[in-house]
Amino acid sequence: MRTTLSLDERLYEKMRAWADRDNVSINQWMATALDREDSRRRNQAHNDWLVAHPELANALDEQDRIAERRFAEGREGVG
């Protein structure tokens, strides 16, 4: 899918400089920046959920500890 963006000339020149610095095309630089921002927002939403639901976050942590312990116990004697 292609999308056309209209950018302020100053912003475009900054993006060109950043892309040149990273030795990538402007399109690649923008795609990477958007992916990074998307990841940042999803991580922030996840962290916000954990803070809003500490009891569930603790239960999930406990489930992880149980799974790790069971995995480690299953690996004993292997090899």
Protein backbone atom coordinates (compact mmCIF):
# COMPACT_ATOMS: atom_id res chain seq x y z
CA MET A 1 0.00 0.00 0.00
CA ARG A 2 1.27 3.44 -0.84
CA THR A 3 0.36 6.61 0.99
CA THR A 4 1.33 10.13 0.05
CA LEU A 5 2.21 12.54 2.84
CA SER A 6 2.51 16.30 2.68
CA LEU A 7 5.29 17.51 4.95
CA ASP A 8 6.46 20.93 5.95
CA GLU A 9 9.69 21.68 4.06
CA ARG A 10 11.69 22.13 7.28
CA LEU A 11 10.50 18.78 8.61
CA TYR A 12 11.24 17.10 5.29
CA GLU A 13 14.80 18.45 5.32
CA LYS A 14 15.30 17.24 8.90
CA MET A 15 14.01 13.81 7.93
CA ARG A 16 16.30 13.74 4.90
CA ALA A 17 19.28 14.56 7.17
CA TRP A 18 18.28 11.85 9.66
CA ALA A 19 17.84 9.31 6.86
CA ASP A 20 21.20 10.27 5.35
CA ARG A 21 22.83 9.94 8.77
CA ASP A 22 21.36 6.43 9.09
CA ASN A 23 22.28 5.64 5.46
CA VAL A 24 18.70 4.69 4.52
CA SER A 25 16.01 6.11 2.28
CA ILE A 26 13.53 8.59 3.70
CA ASN A 27 10.80 5.98 3.23
CA GLN A 28 12.78 3.41 5.21
CA TRP A 29 13.59 5.97 7.90
CA MET A 30 9.90 6.89 8.23
CA ALA A 31 8.81 3.24 8.37
CA THR A 32 11.36 2.56 11.11
CA ALA A 33 10.28 5.66 13.05
CA LEU A 34 6.63 4.63 12.80
CA ASP A 35 7.42 1.06 13.92
CA ARG A 36 9.40 2.42 16.87
CA GLU A 37 6.57 4.76 17.88
CA ASP A 38 4.00 1.97 17.53
CA SER A 39 6.09 -0.27 19.78
CA ARG A 40 6.55 2.54 22.30
CA ARG A 41 2.81 3.17 22.48
CA ARG A 42 1.95 -0.53 22.80
CA ASN A 43 4.54 -0.96 25.55
CA GLN A 44 3.17 2.09 27.36
CA ALA A 45 -0.38 0.74 27.12
CA HIS A 46 0.82 -2.61 28.48
CA ASN A 47 2.61 -0.90 31.38
CA ASP A 48 -0.45 1.25 32.11
CA TRP A 49 -2.60 -1.90 32.21
CA LEU A 50 -0.18 -3.59 34.62
CA VAL A 51 -0.27 -0.56 36.93
CA ALA A 52 -4.08 -0.42 36.77
CA HIS A 53 -4.41 -4.17 37.49
CA PRO A 54 -1.67 -5.07 39.99
CA GLU A 55 -3.50 -8.14 41.28
CA LEU A 56 -3.70 -9.62 37.78
CA ALA A 57 -0.12 -8.61 37.02
CA ASN A 58 1.03 -10.42 40.17
CA ALA A 59 -1.00 -13.50 39.22
CA LEU A 60 0.60 -13.51 35.76
CA ASP A 61 4.06 -13.17 37.33
CA GLU A 62 3.31 -16.13 39.58
CA GLN A 63 2.17 -18.19 36.58
CA ASP A 64 5.44 -17.33 34.83
CA ARG A 65 7.46 -18.43 37.88
CA ILE A 66 5.54 -21.72 38.05
CA ALA A 67 6.09 -22.37 34.33
CA GLU A 68 9.81 -21.55 34.59
CA ARG A 69 10.19 -23.83 37.61
CA ARG A 70 8.36 -26.69 35.85
CA PHE A 71 10.48 -26.22 32.75
CA ALA A 72 13.68 -26.26 34.82
CA GLU A 73 12.52 -29.38 36.67
CA GLY A 74 11.74 -31.07 33.37
CA ARG A 75 15.23 -30.28 32.08
CA GLU A 76 16.97 -31.87 35.07
CA GLY A 77 18.67 -35.08 34.10
CA VAL A 78 18.45 -34.30 30.38
CA GLY A 79 21.69 -34.37 28.51
